[in-house]
Amino acid sequence: MAKDFTALMTQLKEKQLSTFEVTPEEFPDFQKAFMAFDTRKRVIGQAEKGGKLIYHYDYEAGNSDQ
């Protein structure tokens, strides 16, 4: 079953999760959800070995667009 990336990003934003992982195979589905997410500029990814990405939410990036 595919991950609900919009729900995962919302959980990051609401501090219910600290991080989540996206595999290379999942990335096209993640990208669609990411581009539609209202505060996507605060969802920050870090590349790991093997193409895996770990995403977290940047709560410090300005306070004007909350």
N, C-alpha and C. Protein backbone atom coordinates (compact mmCIF):
# COMPACT_ATOMS: atom_id res chain seq x y z
N MET A 1 0.84 -1.19 0.00
CA MET A 1 0.00 0.00 0.00
C MET A 1 0.88 1.25 0.00
N ALA A 2 0.51 2.20 -0.81
CA ALA A 2 1.28 3.43 -0.93
C ALA A 2 1.14 4.29 0.32
N LYS A 3 2.20 5.00 0.65
CA LYS A 3 2.17 5.90 1.79
C LYS A 3 1.35 7.13 1.45
N ASP A 4 0.68 7.69 2.45
CA ASP A 4 -0.04 8.95 2.30
C ASP A 4 0.93 10.07 2.69
N PHE A 5 1.62 10.60 1.69
CA PHE A 5 2.67 11.59 1.96
C PHE A 5 2.11 12.91 2.45
N THR A 6 0.90 13.27 2.03
CA THR A 6 0.28 14.50 2.54
C THR A 6 0.05 14.35 4.04
N ALA A 7 -0.45 13.20 4.46
CA ALA A 7 -0.67 12.97 5.89
C ALA A 7 0.66 12.97 6.65
N LEU A 8 1.70 12.39 6.10
CA LEU A 8 3.00 12.37 6.76
C LEU A 8 3.56 13.79 6.91
N MET A 9 3.43 14.61 5.88
CA MET A 9 3.92 16.00 5.98
C MET A 9 3.10 16.79 6.99
N THR A 10 1.80 16.54 7.04
CA THR A 10 0.95 17.21 8.03
C THR A 10 1.36 16.79 9.44
N GLN A 11 1.68 15.51 9.63
CA GLN A 11 2.15 15.04 10.93
C GLN A 11 3.47 15.69 11.32
N LEU A 12 4.36 15.91 10.34
CA LEU A 12 5.60 16.64 10.62
C LEU A 12 5.28 18.06 11.09
N LYS A 13 4.41 18.72 10.36
CA LYS A 13 4.05 20.11 10.65
C LYS A 13 3.42 20.24 12.04
N GLU A 14 2.61 19.25 12.41
CA GLU A 14 1.91 19.28 13.69
C GLU A 14 2.70 18.62 14.83
N LYS A 15 3.96 18.32 14.56
CA LYS A 15 4.90 17.74 15.53
C LYS A 15 4.45 16.37 16.05
N GLN A 16 3.71 15.64 15.23
CA GLN A 16 3.33 14.27 15.57
C GLN A 16 4.40 13.28 15.13
N LEU A 17 5.22 13.68 14.17
CA LEU A 17 6.38 12.92 13.69
C LEU A 17 7.58 13.84 13.69
N SER A 18 8.77 13.26 13.85
CA SER A 18 9.98 14.08 13.73
C SER A 18 10.60 13.93 12.35
N THR A 19 10.48 12.74 11.74
CA THR A 19 11.01 12.48 10.40
C THR A 19 10.18 11.40 9.72
N PHE A 20 10.34 11.30 8.41
CA PHE A 20 9.87 10.13 7.67
C PHE A 20 10.79 9.90 6.49
N GLU A 21 10.77 8.68 5.98
CA GLU A 21 11.68 8.23 4.93
C GLU A 21 10.95 8.06 3.61
N VAL A 22 11.63 8.43 2.53
CA VAL A 22 11.12 8.22 1.16
C VAL A 22 12.18 7.45 0.39
N THR A 23 11.78 6.35 -0.20
CA THR A 23 12.70 5.55 -1.02
C THR A 23 12.69 6.07 -2.45
N PRO A 24 13.70 5.71 -3.24
CA PRO A 24 13.69 6.15 -4.64
C PRO A 24 12.43 5.71 -5.39
N GLU A 25 11.91 4.53 -5.07
CA GLU A 25 10.71 4.03 -5.75
C GLU A 25 9.47 4.85 -5.37
N GLU A 26 9.45 5.40 -4.16
CA GLU A 26 8.31 6.18 -3.69
C GLU A 26 8.38 7.64 -4.11
N PHE A 27 9.55 8.09 -4.54
CA PHE A 27 9.75 9.52 -4.77
C PHE A 27 8.75 10.15 -5.75
N PRO A 28 8.39 9.53 -6.87
CA PRO A 28 7.42 10.18 -7.76
C PRO A 28 6.08 10.48 -7.07
N ASP A 29 5.60 9.56 -6.24
CA ASP A 29 4.36 9.80 -5.50
C ASP A 29 4.55 10.89 -4.45
N PHE A 30 5.71 10.87 -3.77
CA PHE A 30 6.01 11.91 -2.79
C PHE A 30 6.04 13.28 -3.46
N GLN A 31 6.68 13.38 -4.61
CA GLN A 31 6.85 14.66 -5.30
C GLN A 31 5.50 15.31 -5.60
N LYS A 32 4.52 14.52 -6.03
CA LYS A 32 3.18 15.05 -6.31
C LYS A 32 2.56 15.65 -5.06
N ALA A 33 2.64 14.93 -3.94
CA ALA A 33 2.08 15.42 -2.68
C ALA A 33 2.86 16.65 -2.19
N PHE A 34 4.18 16.60 -2.33
CA PHE A 34 5.03 17.70 -1.88
C PHE A 34 4.69 19.00 -2.60
N MET A 35 4.53 18.94 -3.91
CA MET A 35 4.26 20.15 -4.69
C MET A 35 2.90 20.76 -4.33
N ALA A 36 1.98 19.98 -3.83
CA ALA A 36 0.66 20.48 -3.45
C ALA A 36 0.57 20.88 -1.97
N PHE A 37 1.63 20.63 -1.19
CA PHE A 37 1.59 20.88 0.25
C PHE A 37 1.79 22.37 0.52
N ASP A 38 0.93 22.95 1.37
CA ASP A 38 0.92 24.39 1.58
C ASP A 38 2.21 24.97 2.14
N THR A 39 2.90 24.28 3.00
CA THR A 39 4.16 24.79 3.56
C THR A 39 5.35 23.93 3.14
N ARG A 40 5.36 23.56 1.87
CA ARG A 40 6.41 22.65 1.38
C ARG A 40 7.82 23.19 1.54
N LYS A 41 7.99 24.51 1.56
CA LYS A 41 9.33 25.06 1.71
C LYS A 41 9.94 24.74 3.06
N ARG A 42 9.13 24.34 4.01
CA ARG A 42 9.62 23.97 5.34
C ARG A 42 9.88 22.48 5.47
N VAL A 43 9.46 21.69 4.50
CA VAL A 43 9.71 20.25 4.53
C VAL A 43 11.07 20.02 3.89
N ILE A 44 12.03 19.64 4.71
CA ILE A 44 13.44 19.56 4.30
C ILE A 44 13.87 18.11 4.22
N GLY A 45 14.49 17.75 3.10
CA GLY A 45 14.98 16.39 2.91
C GLY A 45 16.49 16.32 2.91
N GLN A 46 16.99 15.21 3.41
CA GLN A 46 18.43 14.93 3.40
C GLN A 46 18.65 13.58 2.74
N ALA A 47 19.52 13.56 1.74
CA ALA A 47 19.81 12.33 1.01
C ALA A 47 20.72 11.43 1.84
N GLU A 48 20.41 10.15 1.81
CA GLU A 48 21.20 9.14 2.48
C GLU A 48 21.75 8.18 1.41
N LYS A 49 22.58 7.25 1.83
CA LYS A 49 23.12 6.26 0.89
C LYS A 49 21.99 5.45 0.29
N GLY A 50 22.16 5.06 -0.96
CA GLY A 50 21.17 4.23 -1.63
C GLY A 50 19.98 5.00 -2.18
N GLY A 51 20.04 6.33 -2.14
CA GLY A 51 18.96 7.13 -2.69
C GLY A 51 17.81 7.40 -1.74
N LYS A 52 17.90 6.91 -0.52
CA LYS A 52 16.87 7.13 0.48
C LYS A 52 16.92 8.59 0.93
N LEU A 53 15.75 9.18 1.17
CA LEU A 53 15.65 10.55 1.65
C LEU A 53 14.95 10.56 3.00
N ILE A 54 15.47 11.37 3.93
CA ILE A 54 14.86 11.54 5.24
C ILE A 54 14.35 12.98 5.31
N TYR A 55 13.06 13.14 5.57
CA TYR A 55 12.44 14.46 5.62
C TYR A 55 12.10 14.86 7.04
N HIS A 56 12.29 16.15 7.34
CA HIS A 56 11.88 16.73 8.61
C HIS A 56 11.24 18.09 8.33
N TYR A 57 10.66 18.68 9.33
CA TYR A 57 9.99 19.99 9.18
C TYR A 57 10.84 21.04 9.85
N ASP A 58 11.08 22.16 9.15
CA ASP A 58 11.88 23.26 9.68
C ASP A 58 10.96 24.29 10.32
N TYR A 59 10.87 24.25 11.64
CA TYR A 59 10.00 25.17 12.39
C TYR A 59 10.63 26.55 12.54
N GLU A 60 11.91 26.66 12.27
CA GLU A 60 12.65 27.91 12.47
C GLU A 60 12.67 28.81 11.23
N ALA A 61 12.21 28.34 10.10
CA ALA A 61 12.33 29.07 8.83
C ALA A 61 11.29 30.18 8.74
N GLY A 62 11.56 31.30 9.39
CA GLY A 62 10.65 32.44 9.33
C GLY A 62 9.31 32.12 9.97
N ASN A 63 8.65 33.11 10.46
CA ASN A 63 7.38 32.89 11.14
C ASN A 63 6.21 33.57 10.46
N SER A 64 6.42 34.15 9.30
CA SER A 64 5.36 34.92 8.64
C SER A 64 4.40 34.07 7.82
N ASP A 65 4.75 32.82 7.49
CA ASP A 65 3.88 32.03 6.61
C ASP A 65 3.24 30.84 7.32
N GLN A 66 3.04 30.93 8.60
CA GLN A 66 2.47 29.80 9.34
C GLN A 66 1.02 29.68 9.10
